[in-house]
Amino acid sequence: MRTMSLSFSATLFPQNLAEDVNHRRVSMSSSRSVIKCQLWPNSRRGFSTSNKVPSFSWMATEGKNVQSAGVPTSVPIRVANELLQAGYHYLDVRTPEEFSDGHVVGAVNVPFMLRLGPGMIKNPKFLEQVLAHFRKDHEIIVGCQSGKRSLMAASELISAGFTGITDMAGGYATWQQNGLPTE
């Protein structure tokens, strides 16, 4: 299942609609503007308006791709599982040690961060290594252990021109807790 894109006439919503998830204002240039919405099933993301609007979570943009701003779409693990079954690729950005302890079936491991002594540093060859496995137009779910590194990695991939990037919220820990397939 993919996230759904819907278009609504701006006349259905109040002028200067509200804030998106990044607290930027979405303004309408005229009453005939079209608002494009990205729906996230079962998500707590979203915003409210002063008028009663149907209660679904969404990010609004006016006339541009949601990912064009470098902000990845995040989906719950069950949606990520459905996307993988529909043919998406899975990029695991955890360390090789974490990956070898178990991972999503069919995952490709390219660490976003590398262990250096007691700390971690960003993998300087991350983009190069991802490009060795995937094209920029591949549909890719990006996951890590808890969801923090994958969000950073997904943002970097979008900024680098990847067009089919989706972040998996909750990470591998949540994937395991829900009994989804691992190897």
N, C-alpha and C. Protein backbone atom coordinates (compact mmCIF):
# COMPACT_ATOMS: atom_id res chain seq x y z
N MET A 1 0.84 -1.18 0.00
CA MET A 1 0.00 0.00 0.00
C MET A 1 0.88 1.24 0.00
N ARG A 2 0.60 2.16 -0.89
CA ARG A 2 1.35 3.40 -0.95
C ARG A 2 0.61 4.47 -0.19
N THR A 3 1.35 5.51 0.18
CA THR A 3 0.67 6.66 0.75
C THR A 3 -0.15 7.27 -0.36
N MET A 4 -1.25 7.89 -0.03
CA MET A 4 -2.16 8.41 -1.03
C MET A 4 -1.94 9.90 -1.22
N SER A 5 -1.95 10.31 -2.48
CA SER A 5 -1.90 11.73 -2.78
C SER A 5 -3.29 12.16 -3.22
N LEU A 6 -3.80 13.18 -2.62
CA LEU A 6 -5.11 13.70 -2.95
C LEU A 6 -5.02 15.17 -3.26
N SER A 7 -5.90 15.65 -4.10
CA SER A 7 -5.97 17.08 -4.37
C SER A 7 -7.34 17.57 -3.96
N PHE A 8 -7.39 18.71 -3.30
CA PHE A 8 -8.63 19.33 -2.89
C PHE A 8 -8.63 20.77 -3.38
N SER A 9 -9.77 21.27 -3.68
CA SER A 9 -9.87 22.69 -4.00
C SER A 9 -9.65 23.47 -2.71
N ALA A 10 -8.89 24.54 -2.80
CA ALA A 10 -8.60 25.34 -1.61
C ALA A 10 -9.85 25.99 -1.06
N THR A 11 -10.90 26.06 -1.84
CA THR A 11 -12.13 26.66 -1.34
C THR A 11 -12.76 25.81 -0.25
N LEU A 12 -12.34 24.54 -0.13
CA LEU A 12 -12.86 23.67 0.92
C LEU A 12 -12.24 23.97 2.28
N PHE A 13 -11.11 24.68 2.28
CA PHE A 13 -10.36 24.93 3.49
C PHE A 13 -10.18 26.42 3.71
N PRO A 14 -9.93 26.83 4.93
CA PRO A 14 -9.74 28.25 5.20
C PRO A 14 -8.48 28.80 4.56
N GLN A 15 -8.48 30.11 4.27
CA GLN A 15 -7.30 30.77 3.73
C GLN A 15 -6.14 30.61 4.73
N ASN A 16 -4.92 30.53 4.26
CA ASN A 16 -3.75 30.29 5.12
C ASN A 16 -4.01 29.10 6.02
N LEU A 17 -4.20 27.98 5.40
CA LEU A 17 -4.70 26.75 6.00
C LEU A 17 -4.18 26.44 7.40
N ALA A 18 -2.93 26.17 7.55
CA ALA A 18 -2.37 25.82 8.87
C ALA A 18 -0.89 25.55 8.70
N GLU A 19 -0.30 24.85 9.67
CA GLU A 19 1.12 24.52 9.60
C GLU A 19 1.27 23.08 9.15
N ASP A 20 2.33 22.81 8.37
CA ASP A 20 2.61 21.42 8.06
C ASP A 20 3.45 20.83 9.19
N VAL A 21 3.92 19.59 9.01
CA VAL A 21 4.65 18.93 10.10
C VAL A 21 5.96 19.61 10.43
N ASN A 22 6.47 20.46 9.56
CA ASN A 22 7.71 21.17 9.82
C ASN A 22 7.44 22.61 10.24
N HIS A 23 6.20 22.92 10.59
CA HIS A 23 5.81 24.22 11.10
C HIS A 23 6.03 25.35 10.11
N ARG A 24 5.92 25.06 8.80
CA ARG A 24 5.96 26.11 7.80
C ARG A 24 4.52 26.43 7.45
N ARG A 25 4.27 27.66 7.10
CA ARG A 25 2.92 28.05 6.72
C ARG A 25 2.63 27.58 5.30
N VAL A 26 1.43 27.12 5.06
CA VAL A 26 0.97 26.77 3.73
C VAL A 26 0.01 27.87 3.34
N SER A 27 0.38 28.70 2.41
CA SER A 27 -0.49 29.81 2.05
C SER A 27 -1.09 29.59 0.67
N MET A 28 -2.27 30.09 0.48
CA MET A 28 -2.97 29.96 -0.78
C MET A 28 -2.87 31.27 -1.54
N SER A 29 -2.54 31.20 -2.82
CA SER A 29 -2.44 32.43 -3.60
C SER A 29 -3.80 32.90 -4.09
N SER A 30 -4.75 32.00 -4.18
CA SER A 30 -6.11 32.38 -4.56
C SER A 30 -7.07 31.32 -4.08
N SER A 31 -8.35 31.61 -4.15
CA SER A 31 -9.33 30.64 -3.69
C SER A 31 -9.44 29.45 -4.62
N ARG A 32 -8.81 29.50 -5.78
CA ARG A 32 -8.86 28.39 -6.72
C ARG A 32 -7.60 27.52 -6.67
N SER A 33 -6.73 27.78 -5.72
CA SER A 33 -5.51 26.97 -5.58
C SER A 33 -5.87 25.53 -5.25
N VAL A 34 -4.99 24.65 -5.58
CA VAL A 34 -5.18 23.24 -5.27
C VAL A 34 -4.18 22.85 -4.19
N ILE A 35 -4.64 22.15 -3.19
CA ILE A 35 -3.79 21.67 -2.11
C ILE A 35 -3.55 20.20 -2.37
N LYS A 36 -2.28 19.80 -2.42
CA LYS A 36 -1.94 18.39 -2.57
C LYS A 36 -1.63 17.84 -1.19
N CYS A 37 -2.21 16.73 -0.85
CA CYS A 37 -2.05 16.16 0.49
C CYS A 37 -1.41 14.79 0.40
N GLN A 38 -0.54 14.50 1.33
CA GLN A 38 0.06 13.19 1.47
C GLN A 38 -0.51 12.58 2.75
N LEU A 39 -1.22 11.48 2.64
CA LEU A 39 -1.83 10.86 3.81
C LEU A 39 -0.90 9.82 4.41
N TRP A 40 -0.86 9.78 5.72
CA TRP A 40 -0.10 8.77 6.44
C TRP A 40 -1.07 7.97 7.28
N PRO A 41 -1.36 6.73 6.92
CA PRO A 41 -2.28 5.93 7.73
C PRO A 41 -1.74 5.74 9.14
N ASN A 42 -2.61 5.79 10.09
CA ASN A 42 -2.28 5.53 11.50
C ASN A 42 -1.12 6.37 12.03
N SER A 43 -0.99 7.57 11.54
CA SER A 43 0.11 8.42 11.96
C SER A 43 -0.40 9.47 12.94
N ARG A 44 0.47 9.93 13.80
CA ARG A 44 0.13 11.01 14.72
C ARG A 44 0.56 12.35 14.14
N ARG A 45 1.14 12.31 12.93
CA ARG A 45 1.58 13.55 12.31
C ARG A 45 0.38 14.29 11.76
N GLY A 46 0.52 15.55 11.62
CA GLY A 46 -0.55 16.33 11.01
C GLY A 46 -0.77 17.59 11.78
N PHE A 47 -1.88 18.26 11.50
CA PHE A 47 -2.16 19.50 12.17
C PHE A 47 -3.66 19.72 12.18
N SER A 48 -4.08 20.68 12.93
CA SER A 48 -5.51 20.97 13.00
C SER A 48 -5.76 22.38 12.49
N THR A 49 -6.97 22.63 12.11
CA THR A 49 -7.36 23.95 11.66
C THR A 49 -8.48 24.44 12.55
N SER A 50 -8.82 25.70 12.40
CA SER A 50 -9.89 26.24 13.23
C SER A 50 -11.25 25.72 12.77
N ASN A 51 -11.38 25.38 11.51
CA ASN A 51 -12.64 24.80 11.01
C ASN A 51 -12.60 23.29 11.19
N LYS A 52 -13.76 22.67 11.19
CA LYS A 52 -13.83 21.21 11.30
C LYS A 52 -13.47 20.62 9.94
N VAL A 53 -12.33 19.95 9.87
CA VAL A 53 -11.87 19.31 8.66
C VAL A 53 -11.80 17.83 8.97
N PRO A 54 -12.06 16.95 7.98
CA PRO A 54 -11.99 15.51 8.27
C PRO A 54 -10.70 15.16 9.00
N SER A 55 -10.81 14.24 9.95
CA SER A 55 -9.65 13.94 10.80
C SER A 55 -8.77 12.88 10.17
N PHE A 56 -7.83 13.32 9.35
CA PHE A 56 -6.77 12.46 8.87
C PHE A 56 -5.48 13.24 8.98
N SER A 57 -4.38 12.50 9.01
CA SER A 57 -3.08 13.15 9.14
C SER A 57 -2.54 13.42 7.75
N TRP A 58 -1.90 14.58 7.57
CA TRP A 58 -1.41 14.91 6.25
C TRP A 58 -0.40 16.03 6.27
N MET A 59 0.31 16.13 5.17
CA MET A 59 1.24 17.23 4.96
C MET A 59 0.73 17.92 3.70
N ALA A 60 0.60 19.21 3.73
CA ALA A 60 0.10 19.92 2.56
C ALA A 60 1.22 20.69 1.89
N THR A 61 1.19 20.67 0.58
CA THR A 61 2.10 21.50 -0.21
C THR A 61 1.28 22.09 -1.33
N GLU A 62 1.73 23.15 -1.88
CA GLU A 62 0.99 23.77 -2.96
C GLU A 62 1.77 23.60 -4.25
N GLY A 63 1.28 22.69 -5.12
CA GLY A 63 1.83 22.53 -6.44
C GLY A 63 3.24 22.00 -6.53
N LYS A 64 3.71 21.23 -5.57
CA LYS A 64 5.04 20.64 -5.70
C LYS A 64 5.07 19.29 -5.00
N ASN A 65 6.09 18.52 -5.32
CA ASN A 65 6.27 17.19 -4.74
C ASN A 65 6.58 17.34 -3.26
N VAL A 66 5.98 16.50 -2.43
CA VAL A 66 6.19 16.55 -0.98
C VAL A 66 7.66 16.36 -0.66
N GLN A 67 8.37 15.48 -1.40
CA GLN A 67 9.77 15.21 -1.09
C GLN A 67 10.72 16.26 -1.63
N SER A 68 10.25 17.20 -2.43
CA SER A 68 11.16 18.17 -3.03
C SER A 68 11.88 19.01 -1.98
N ALA A 69 11.32 19.15 -0.82
CA ALA A 69 11.94 19.96 0.24
C ALA A 69 12.99 19.16 1.02
N GLY A 70 13.23 17.90 0.65
CA GLY A 70 14.21 17.09 1.37
C GLY A 70 13.65 16.44 2.61
N VAL A 71 12.34 16.47 2.78
CA VAL A 71 11.69 15.86 3.94
C VAL A 71 11.09 14.53 3.50
N PRO A 72 11.62 13.41 4.01
CA PRO A 72 11.10 12.11 3.58
C PRO A 72 9.72 11.81 4.15
N THR A 73 8.96 11.05 3.40
CA THR A 73 7.71 10.50 3.90
C THR A 73 8.06 9.36 4.84
N SER A 74 7.47 9.31 6.02
CA SER A 74 7.67 8.21 6.95
C SER A 74 6.39 7.40 7.05
N VAL A 75 6.55 6.09 7.08
CA VAL A 75 5.39 5.21 7.19
C VAL A 75 5.59 4.26 8.36
N PRO A 76 4.49 3.80 8.96
CA PRO A 76 4.59 2.79 10.02
C PRO A 76 5.12 1.47 9.46
N ILE A 77 5.62 0.62 10.32
CA ILE A 77 6.25 -0.62 9.87
C ILE A 77 5.29 -1.53 9.10
N ARG A 78 4.05 -1.57 9.46
CA ARG A 78 3.09 -2.42 8.73
C ARG A 78 2.91 -1.93 7.29
N VAL A 79 2.90 -0.63 7.09
CA VAL A 79 2.81 -0.07 5.74
C VAL A 79 4.11 -0.36 4.99
N ALA A 80 5.26 -0.23 5.68
CA ALA A 80 6.54 -0.56 5.06
C ALA A 80 6.56 -2.02 4.60
N ASN A 81 6.03 -2.91 5.41
CA ASN A 81 5.96 -4.33 5.05
C ASN A 81 5.12 -4.52 3.78
N GLU A 82 3.99 -3.83 3.69
CA GLU A 82 3.15 -3.93 2.50
C GLU A 82 3.86 -3.38 1.27
N LEU A 83 4.61 -2.29 1.44
CA LEU A 83 5.36 -1.72 0.33
C LEU A 83 6.44 -2.69 -0.14
N LEU A 84 7.09 -3.36 0.79
CA LEU A 84 8.11 -4.35 0.42
C LEU A 84 7.48 -5.50 -0.35
N GLN A 85 6.31 -5.94 0.07
CA GLN A 85 5.60 -7.00 -0.65
C GLN A 85 5.18 -6.55 -2.05
N ALA A 86 5.01 -5.24 -2.22
CA ALA A 86 4.62 -4.69 -3.52
C ALA A 86 5.83 -4.43 -4.42
N GLY A 87 7.05 -4.71 -3.92
CA GLY A 87 8.22 -4.60 -4.77
C GLY A 87 9.24 -3.53 -4.41
N TYR A 88 9.01 -2.80 -3.33
CA TYR A 88 10.01 -1.82 -2.88
C TYR A 88 11.27 -2.56 -2.42
N HIS A 89 12.39 -1.86 -2.44
CA HIS A 89 13.66 -2.37 -1.92
C HIS A 89 13.79 -1.90 -0.47
N TYR A 90 14.62 -2.61 0.32
CA TYR A 90 14.83 -2.21 1.72
C TYR A 90 16.31 -1.90 1.92
N LEU A 91 16.59 -0.68 2.36
CA LEU A 91 17.94 -0.24 2.68
C LEU A 91 18.07 -0.14 4.19
N ASP A 92 18.91 -0.98 4.77
CA ASP A 92 19.15 -0.99 6.21
C ASP A 92 20.41 -0.16 6.45
N VAL A 93 20.27 0.94 7.19
CA VAL A 93 21.40 1.85 7.39
C VAL A 93 22.08 1.66 8.75
N ARG A 94 21.80 0.54 9.41
CA ARG A 94 22.48 0.23 10.68
C ARG A 94 23.91 -0.21 10.42
N THR A 95 24.67 -0.34 11.48
CA THR A 95 26.05 -0.81 11.36
C THR A 95 26.06 -2.27 10.91
N PRO A 96 27.18 -2.73 10.33
CA PRO A 96 27.26 -4.15 9.93
C PRO A 96 27.03 -5.11 11.10
N GLU A 97 27.48 -4.71 12.30
CA GLU A 97 27.28 -5.56 13.49
C GLU A 97 25.78 -5.69 13.81
N GLU A 98 25.06 -4.59 13.77
CA GLU A 98 23.61 -4.63 14.02
C GLU A 98 22.92 -5.46 12.94
N PHE A 99 23.30 -5.26 11.70
CA PHE A 99 22.71 -5.97 10.57
C PHE A 99 22.90 -7.47 10.71
N SER A 100 24.12 -7.90 11.11
CA SER A 100 24.41 -9.34 11.22
C SER A 100 23.62 -10.00 12.35
N ASP A 101 23.13 -9.21 13.31
CA ASP A 101 22.30 -9.76 14.40
C ASP A 101 20.87 -10.04 13.95
N GLY A 102 20.52 -9.63 12.75
CA GLY A 102 19.18 -9.85 12.21
C GLY A 102 18.73 -8.63 11.43
N HIS A 103 17.93 -8.88 10.38
CA HIS A 103 17.47 -7.78 9.54
C HIS A 103 16.22 -8.19 8.78
N VAL A 104 15.59 -7.20 8.16
CA VAL A 104 14.41 -7.41 7.33
C VAL A 104 14.82 -8.31 6.16
N VAL A 105 13.96 -9.25 5.79
CA VAL A 105 14.25 -10.17 4.70
C VAL A 105 14.55 -9.38 3.42
N GLY A 106 15.67 -9.74 2.77
CA GLY A 106 16.05 -9.11 1.51
C GLY A 106 16.71 -7.75 1.63
N ALA A 107 17.02 -7.32 2.85
CA ALA A 107 17.61 -6.00 3.07
C ALA A 107 19.02 -5.90 2.52
N VAL A 108 19.36 -4.70 2.06
CA VAL A 108 20.73 -4.36 1.67
C VAL A 108 21.27 -3.46 2.76
N ASN A 109 22.48 -3.77 3.25
CA ASN A 109 23.07 -2.98 4.34
C ASN A 109 24.10 -2.00 3.82
N VAL A 110 23.83 -0.72 4.03
CA VAL A 110 24.80 0.35 3.79
C VAL A 110 24.73 1.23 5.02
N PRO A 111 25.72 1.14 5.92
CA PRO A 111 25.64 1.92 7.16
C PRO A 111 25.71 3.43 6.91
N PHE A 112 24.83 4.15 7.58
CA PHE A 112 24.86 5.61 7.53
C PHE A 112 25.90 6.14 8.50
N MET A 113 26.04 5.46 9.62
CA MET A 113 27.02 5.82 10.65
C MET A 113 27.95 4.61 10.86
N LEU A 114 29.20 4.90 11.19
CA LEU A 114 30.17 3.85 11.46
C LEU A 114 30.69 4.00 12.89
N ARG A 115 30.93 2.88 13.55
CA ARG A 115 31.47 2.93 14.92
C ARG A 115 32.93 3.36 14.87
N LEU A 116 33.28 4.28 15.74
CA LEU A 116 34.65 4.72 15.89
C LEU A 116 34.91 4.82 17.38
N GLY A 117 35.57 3.80 17.94
CA GLY A 117 35.76 3.74 19.38
C GLY A 117 34.41 3.67 20.06
N PRO A 118 34.20 4.50 21.09
CA PRO A 118 32.92 4.45 21.81
C PRO A 118 31.81 5.25 21.08
N GLY A 119 32.17 6.01 20.06
CA GLY A 119 31.18 6.85 19.36
C GLY A 119 30.93 6.39 17.94
N MET A 120 30.25 7.25 17.20
CA MET A 120 29.93 6.95 15.80
C MET A 120 30.24 8.18 14.95
N ILE A 121 30.62 7.93 13.69
CA ILE A 121 30.83 9.00 12.72
C ILE A 121 30.01 8.69 11.48
N LYS A 122 29.68 9.71 10.71
CA LYS A 122 28.93 9.51 9.47
C LYS A 122 29.81 8.77 8.46
N ASN A 123 29.23 7.82 7.77
CA ASN A 123 29.92 7.08 6.72
C ASN A 123 30.22 8.03 5.56
N PRO A 124 31.49 8.35 5.31
CA PRO A 124 31.81 9.31 4.25
C PRO A 124 31.50 8.81 2.84
N LYS A 125 31.34 7.49 2.68
CA LYS A 125 31.05 6.91 1.37
C LYS A 125 29.60 6.44 1.24
N PHE A 126 28.73 6.94 2.12
CA PHE A 126 27.34 6.48 2.16
C PHE A 126 26.66 6.58 0.79
N LEU A 127 26.64 7.76 0.19
CA LEU A 127 25.95 7.93 -1.10
C LEU A 127 26.56 7.05 -2.18
N GLU A 128 27.87 7.01 -2.24
CA GLU A 128 28.56 6.17 -3.22
C GLU A 128 28.17 4.70 -3.06
N GLN A 129 28.10 4.23 -1.82
CA GLN A 129 27.75 2.83 -1.56
C GLN A 129 26.28 2.54 -1.88
N VAL A 130 25.40 3.48 -1.60
CA VAL A 130 23.99 3.30 -1.94
C VAL A 130 23.83 3.22 -3.46
N LEU A 131 24.54 4.10 -4.18
CA LEU A 131 24.46 4.10 -5.65
C LEU A 131 25.02 2.81 -6.26
N ALA A 132 25.85 2.09 -5.54
CA ALA A 132 26.35 0.80 -6.02
C ALA A 132 25.25 -0.27 -6.01
N HIS A 133 24.20 -0.04 -5.22
CA HIS A 133 23.11 -1.01 -5.09
C HIS A 133 21.80 -0.57 -5.74
N PHE A 134 21.55 0.74 -5.77
CA PHE A 134 20.26 1.25 -6.21
C PHE A 134 20.41 2.40 -7.20
N ARG A 135 19.42 2.52 -8.10
CA ARG A 135 19.34 3.70 -8.96
C ARG A 135 18.57 4.79 -8.21
N LYS A 136 18.71 6.01 -8.65
CA LYS A 136 18.05 7.13 -7.97
C LYS A 136 16.53 7.08 -8.11
N ASP A 137 16.01 6.31 -9.07
CA ASP A 137 14.56 6.22 -9.24
C ASP A 137 13.96 4.96 -8.61
N HIS A 138 14.77 4.14 -7.95
CA HIS A 138 14.24 2.96 -7.26
C HIS A 138 13.34 3.38 -6.09
N GLU A 139 12.34 2.58 -5.83
CA GLU A 139 11.48 2.81 -4.66
C GLU A 139 12.12 2.07 -3.50
N ILE A 140 12.54 2.83 -2.49
CA ILE A 140 13.36 2.29 -1.40
C ILE A 140 12.76 2.66 -0.04
N ILE A 141 12.62 1.65 0.81
CA ILE A 141 12.29 1.86 2.22
C ILE A 141 13.62 1.94 2.96
N VAL A 142 13.81 2.98 3.77
CA VAL A 142 15.05 3.15 4.53
C VAL A 142 14.73 2.88 6.00
N GLY A 143 15.48 1.98 6.61
CA GLY A 143 15.25 1.64 8.01
C GLY A 143 16.54 1.52 8.79
N CYS A 144 16.41 1.68 10.12
CA CYS A 144 17.56 1.51 11.03
C CYS A 144 17.05 0.77 12.26
N GLN A 145 17.63 1.00 13.41
CA GLN A 145 17.22 0.30 14.63
C GLN A 145 15.97 0.92 15.26
N SER A 146 15.94 2.26 15.37
CA SER A 146 14.81 2.90 16.05
C SER A 146 14.11 3.97 15.22
N GLY A 147 14.71 4.38 14.10
CA GLY A 147 14.08 5.36 13.24
C GLY A 147 14.81 6.68 13.11
N LYS A 148 15.84 6.91 13.90
CA LYS A 148 16.55 8.19 13.86
C LYS A 148 17.55 8.26 12.70
N ARG A 149 18.42 7.26 12.59
CA ARG A 149 19.41 7.26 11.51
C ARG A 149 18.74 7.15 10.15
N SER A 150 17.67 6.36 10.08
CA SER A 150 17.00 6.19 8.78
C SER A 150 16.39 7.51 8.30
N LEU A 151 15.87 8.30 9.21
CA LEU A 151 15.31 9.59 8.84
C LEU A 151 16.40 10.52 8.31
N MET A 152 17.56 10.53 8.97
CA MET A 152 18.69 11.34 8.48
C MET A 152 19.18 10.83 7.13
N ALA A 153 19.31 9.51 6.99
CA ALA A 153 19.78 8.92 5.74
C ALA A 153 18.79 9.19 4.61
N ALA A 154 17.49 9.03 4.89
CA ALA A 154 16.46 9.28 3.87
C ALA A 154 16.50 10.74 3.42
N SER A 155 16.68 11.65 4.35
CA SER A 155 16.78 13.07 4.00
C SER A 155 17.98 13.33 3.09
N GLU A 156 19.10 12.71 3.42
CA GLU A 156 20.30 12.89 2.60
C GLU A 156 20.10 12.31 1.20
N LEU A 157 19.45 11.16 1.11
CA LEU A 157 19.19 10.55 -0.20
C LEU A 157 18.28 11.43 -1.05
N ILE A 158 17.26 11.98 -0.46
CA ILE A 158 16.36 12.88 -1.19
C ILE A 158 17.12 14.11 -1.67
N SER A 159 17.93 14.67 -0.80
CA SER A 159 18.75 15.84 -1.17
C SER A 159 19.71 15.51 -2.31
N ALA A 160 20.14 14.25 -2.40
CA ALA A 160 21.05 13.81 -3.45
C ALA A 160 20.33 13.46 -4.75
N GLY A 161 19.00 13.60 -4.77
CA GLY A 161 18.25 13.38 -6.01
C GLY A 161 17.52 12.06 -6.11
N PHE A 162 17.51 11.25 -5.06
CA PHE A 162 16.72 10.02 -5.08
C PHE A 162 15.24 10.40 -5.02
N THR A 163 14.42 9.75 -5.83
CA THR A 163 13.02 10.15 -5.95
C THR A 163 12.01 9.21 -5.31
N GLY A 164 12.42 8.00 -4.94
CA GLY A 164 11.47 7.03 -4.40
C GLY A 164 11.78 6.62 -2.97
N ILE A 165 12.16 7.56 -2.13
CA ILE A 165 12.61 7.25 -0.77
C ILE A 165 11.45 7.36 0.22
N THR A 166 11.31 6.33 1.06
CA THR A 166 10.33 6.32 2.14
C THR A 166 11.04 5.85 3.41
N ASP A 167 10.87 6.59 4.48
CA ASP A 167 11.46 6.24 5.78
C ASP A 167 10.52 5.30 6.53
N MET A 168 11.09 4.30 7.22
CA MET A 168 10.29 3.41 8.05
C MET A 168 10.36 3.88 9.50
N ALA A 169 9.27 4.43 9.98
CA ALA A 169 9.19 4.91 11.37
C ALA A 169 9.25 3.72 12.33
N GLY A 170 9.95 3.89 13.44
CA GLY A 170 10.00 2.84 14.46
C GLY A 170 11.18 1.91 14.33
N GLY A 171 11.70 1.72 13.12
CA GLY A 171 12.89 0.93 12.91
C GLY A 171 12.73 -0.57 13.11
N TYR A 172 13.87 -1.24 13.04
CA TYR A 172 13.92 -2.70 13.12
C TYR A 172 13.41 -3.21 14.47
N ALA A 173 13.64 -2.47 15.54
CA ALA A 173 13.14 -2.90 16.85
C ALA A 173 11.62 -3.06 16.83
N THR A 174 10.93 -2.11 16.24
CA THR A 174 9.46 -2.18 16.14
C THR A 174 9.05 -3.29 15.17
N TRP A 175 9.81 -3.45 14.10
CA TRP A 175 9.57 -4.52 13.12
C TRP A 175 9.57 -5.87 13.84
N GLN A 176 10.61 -6.11 14.66
CA GLN A 176 10.71 -7.36 15.41
C GLN A 176 9.57 -7.53 16.41
N GLN A 177 9.25 -6.45 17.15
CA GLN A 177 8.18 -6.51 18.15
C GLN A 177 6.85 -6.91 17.52
N ASN A 178 6.66 -6.59 16.26
CA ASN A 178 5.41 -6.91 15.56
C ASN A 178 5.47 -8.25 14.84
N GLY A 179 6.55 -8.99 15.03
CA GLY A 179 6.65 -10.34 14.47
C GLY A 179 6.73 -10.38 12.96
N LEU A 180 7.25 -9.34 12.34
CA LEU A 180 7.37 -9.32 10.88
C LEU A 180 8.61 -10.10 10.46
N PRO A 181 8.66 -10.56 9.19
CA PRO A 181 9.73 -11.47 8.75
C PRO A 181 11.14 -10.89 8.86
N THR A 182 12.04 -11.71 9.42
CA THR A 182 13.45 -11.32 9.56
C THR A 182 14.33 -12.47 9.10
N GLU A 183 15.59 -12.16 8.88
CA GLU A 183 16.59 -13.21 8.59
C GLU A 183 17.88 -12.88 9.28
